[in-house]
Protein backbone atom coordinates (compact mmCIF):
# COMPACT_ATOMS: atom_id res chain seq x y z
CA UNK A 1 0.00 0.00 0.00
CA UNK A 2 2.83 2.44 0.83
CA UNK A 3 4.49 1.80 -2.53
CA UNK A 4 1.22 2.53 -4.26
CA UNK A 5 0.79 5.77 -2.29
CA UNK A 6 4.34 6.85 -3.12
CA UNK A 7 3.68 6.12 -6.77
CA UNK A 8 0.43 8.15 -6.73
CA UNK A 9 2.12 11.09 -4.99
CA UNK A 10 5.04 10.96 -7.47
CA UNK A 11 2.62 10.85 -10.39
CA UNK A 12 0.67 13.84 -9.07
CA UNK A 13 3.88 15.81 -8.51
CA UNK A 14 5.18 15.12 -12.03
CA UNK A 15 1.76 15.87 -13.53
CA UNK A 16 1.61 19.23 -11.73
CA UNK A 17 5.11 20.20 -12.85
CA UNK A 18 4.33 19.33 -16.47
CA UNK A 19 1.03 21.18 -16.27
CA UNK A 20 2.69 24.25 -14.72
CA UNK A 21 5.26 24.61 -17.48
CA UNK A 22 3.68 23.28 -20.66
CA UNK A 23 -0.11 23.49 -20.56
CA UNK A 24 -0.39 27.33 -20.57
CA UNK A 25 1.11 27.42 -24.07
CA UNK A 26 -1.30 24.80 -25.38
CA UNK A 27 -4.35 26.39 -23.77
CA UNK A 28 -3.65 29.75 -25.37
CA UNK A 29 -2.76 28.21 -28.73
CA UNK A 30 0.55 30.05 -28.74
CA UNK A 31 3.66 28.79 -30.41
CA UNK A 32 6.60 29.68 -28.22
CA UNK A 33 10.13 29.57 -29.51
CA UNK A 34 13.06 29.40 -27.16
CA UNK A 35 15.00 32.63 -26.81
CA UNK A 36 18.65 32.26 -27.73
CA UNK A 37 21.91 34.17 -27.81
CA UNK A 38 21.88 37.18 -30.16
CA UNK A 39 18.09 37.50 -30.09
CA UNK A 40 16.78 40.97 -29.39
CA UNK A 41 15.36 41.03 -25.86
CA UNK A 42 11.59 41.45 -25.92
CA UNK A 43 10.34 44.49 -24.07
CA UNK A 44 7.92 43.94 -21.21
CA UNK A 45 6.28 45.74 -18.32
CA UNK A 46 5.92 43.99 -14.97
CA UNK A 47 5.04 45.25 -11.52
CA UNK A 48 7.62 45.17 -8.75
CA UNK A 49 6.78 44.18 -5.17
CA UNK A 50 5.71 47.78 -4.42
CA UNK A 51 3.24 47.82 -7.34
CA UNK A 52 5.35 50.07 -9.57
CA UNK A 53 5.63 49.31 -13.28
CA UNK A 54 9.09 48.28 -14.48
CA UNK A 55 9.74 48.33 -18.22
CA UNK A 56 12.76 46.53 -19.62
CA UNK A 57 13.33 49.24 -22.26
CA UNK A 58 13.83 51.80 -19.48
CA UNK A 59 17.25 50.19 -19.03
CA UNK A 60 18.34 50.64 -22.65
CA UNK A 61 22.05 51.37 -22.75
CA UNK A 62 22.72 49.28 -19.62
CA UNK A 63 23.62 45.64 -19.16
CA UNK A 64 20.67 43.70 -17.72
CA UNK A 65 20.54 40.25 -16.15
CA UNK A 66 17.08 38.68 -16.09
CA UNK A 67 16.60 35.85 -13.61
CA UNK A 68 13.41 33.81 -14.10
CA UNK A 69 12.65 31.88 -10.91
CA UNK A 70 10.04 30.50 -8.52
CA UNK A 71 10.22 30.27 -4.74
CA UNK A 72 9.46 26.53 -4.70
CA UNK A 73 12.46 25.75 -6.97
CA UNK A 74 15.47 24.37 -5.01
CA UNK A 75 18.02 25.41 -7.66
CA UNK A 76 16.51 28.92 -7.79
CA UNK A 77 16.93 29.24 -4.03
CA UNK A 78 20.49 27.95 -4.08
CA UNK A 79 21.49 30.42 -6.82
CA UNK A 80 20.48 33.48 -4.79
CA UNK A 81 23.86 33.81 -3.06
CA UNK A 82 25.63 33.77 -6.46
CA UNK A 83 23.25 36.45 -7.77
CA UNK A 84 23.81 38.62 -4.71
CA UNK A 85 27.57 38.34 -5.27
CA UNK A 86 27.22 39.25 -8.95
CA UNK A 87 25.02 42.19 -8.00
CA UNK A 88 27.48 43.47 -5.40
CA UNK A 89 30.36 43.25 -7.91
CA UNK A 90 28.67 44.84 -10.91
CA UNK A 91 25.79 47.03 -9.71
CA UNK A 92 28.05 50.05 -9.15
CA UNK A 93 29.40 49.55 -12.69
CA UNK A 94 25.87 49.70 -14.10
CA UNK A 95 24.47 46.15 -14.03
CA UNK A 96 20.70 45.91 -13.65
CA UNK A 97 19.56 42.60 -12.15
CA UNK A 98 15.84 41.86 -12.40
CA UNK A 99 14.54 38.88 -10.45
CA UNK A 100 11.38 37.70 -12.26
CA UNK A 101 9.11 35.61 -10.06
CA UNK A 102 7.04 33.35 -12.30
CA UNK A 103 3.38 32.50 -11.67
CA UNK A 104 3.35 32.96 -7.91
CA UNK A 105 1.52 35.35 -5.64
CA UNK A 106 2.93 38.69 -4.56
CA UNK A 107 2.86 37.44 -0.97
CA UNK A 108 5.12 34.46 -1.72
CA UNK A 109 7.52 36.58 -3.74
CA UNK A 110 7.62 39.28 -1.07
CA UNK A 111 8.26 36.77 1.74
CA UNK A 112 11.07 35.18 -0.33
CA UNK A 113 12.61 38.58 -1.09
CA UNK A 114 12.57 39.62 2.56
CA UNK A 115 13.82 36.27 3.87
CA UNK A 116 16.77 36.36 1.46
CA UNK A 117 17.39 40.13 1.79
CA UNK A 118 17.41 40.56 -1.98
CA UNK A 119 19.18 43.81 -2.89
CA UNK A 120 17.75 43.80 -6.44
CA UNK A 121 14.13 44.21 -7.54
CA UNK A 122 11.71 41.32 -7.80
CA UNK A 123 9.18 41.58 -10.61
CA UNK A 124 5.90 39.67 -10.66
CA UNK A 125 5.04 37.63 -13.74
CA UNK A 126 1.87 36.25 -12.19
CA UNK A 127 0.24 35.11 -15.41
CA UNK A 128 3.50 33.85 -16.91
CA UNK A 129 3.21 35.93 -20.10
CA UNK A 130 6.78 37.25 -20.00
CA UNK A 131 8.01 33.78 -19.07
CA UNK A 132 6.18 32.38 -22.09
CA UNK A 133 7.17 35.19 -24.46
CA UNK A 134 10.83 34.45 -23.71
CA UNK A 135 10.26 30.74 -24.36
CA UNK A 136 11.32 29.72 -20.89
CA UNK A 137 10.32 26.11 -20.22
CA UNK A 138 11.64 25.71 -16.70
CA UNK A 139 13.24 27.67 -13.93
CA UNK A 140 15.79 28.96 -13.17
CA UNK A 141 16.85 30.75 -16.34
CA UNK A 142 19.35 33.60 -16.62
CA UNK A 143 19.42 35.89 -19.64
CA UNK A 144 22.19 38.48 -19.96
CA UNK A 145 21.26 41.44 -22.17
CA UNK A 146 23.91 43.81 -23.50
CA UNK A 147 23.64 47.60 -23.76
CA UNK A 148 22.23 47.24 -27.29
CA UNK A 149 19.32 45.10 -26.10
CA UNK A 150 20.65 41.79 -27.43
CA UNK A 151 20.66 38.60 -25.41
CA UNK A 152 24.33 37.68 -25.24
CA UNK A 153 24.07 34.84 -22.77
CA UNK A 154 21.13 32.49 -22.39
CA UNK A 155 21.72 30.25 -19.37
CA UNK A 156 25.40 30.11 -20.25
CA UNK A 157 27.96 28.56 -17.96
CA UNK A 158 30.36 31.46 -18.48
CA UNK A 159 28.20 34.23 -17.01
CA UNK A 160 31.10 35.60 -14.94
CA UNK A 161 33.29 35.90 -18.05
CA UNK A 162 30.47 37.51 -20.01
CA UNK A 163 29.94 40.08 -17.25
CA UNK A 164 33.67 40.84 -17.06
CA UNK A 165 33.72 41.38 -20.81
CA UNK A 166 30.69 43.69 -20.69
CA UNK A 167 32.19 45.92 -18.07
CA UNK A 168 35.74 45.90 -19.48
CA UNK A 169 34.26 47.21 -22.72
CA UNK A 170 32.41 49.92 -20.85
CA UNK A 171 35.52 51.21 -19.08
CA UNK A 172 37.63 51.32 -22.28
CA UNK A 173 35.11 53.27 -24.35
C-alpha cells in the first residue's frame, strides 16, 4: 500500500510540474520559440513588489541580467547567493539585475525577497506571459542582455566571463 501511495504522490507531482510549465502554451494556442543568444530582448512591463511598473526598455544602454525563478524551486533558491555576489560586484558599474518571479503570488515573492534580503528588484510575472514570451520552459533561467538590447548569454555557464567582458568594454570606451 505504501508503494502505491508513493507512486500516486510521485505521479501527481510530475503531472503538476508538467502542467505548470507546458499546458499554458497549449491552452492559449501560442507557439513559443526558445529565446537564444543574439536575439533581441523582448520588451515587457511587470510590476515590482511595491506595485510600480518596471519596463525593460527603461534600461536601454545598460547591461541587464534577467533571472526567471520560482520560490518553490530548489536550484533557484540555491542560486540566490551567487546572484547577490554578482550584483554586489557589478551594480556600481551599471548592471541591472531583475529577479522575475514566475506565476506565484505577490505574498510568496515578497516573503522570499525579505527572507533572502534581496538587494535587487523582484518583478511579478503572475500570469507567466513574459516567461512564455521568452520561451522559458523551466526555472531557473538567466538571460544576460547587452547595452544594445541583445541577449548575449542564455543560461550560459560562463556568465562571470560575459559580465567581465561587458564591463571591461564599458571602461575602455
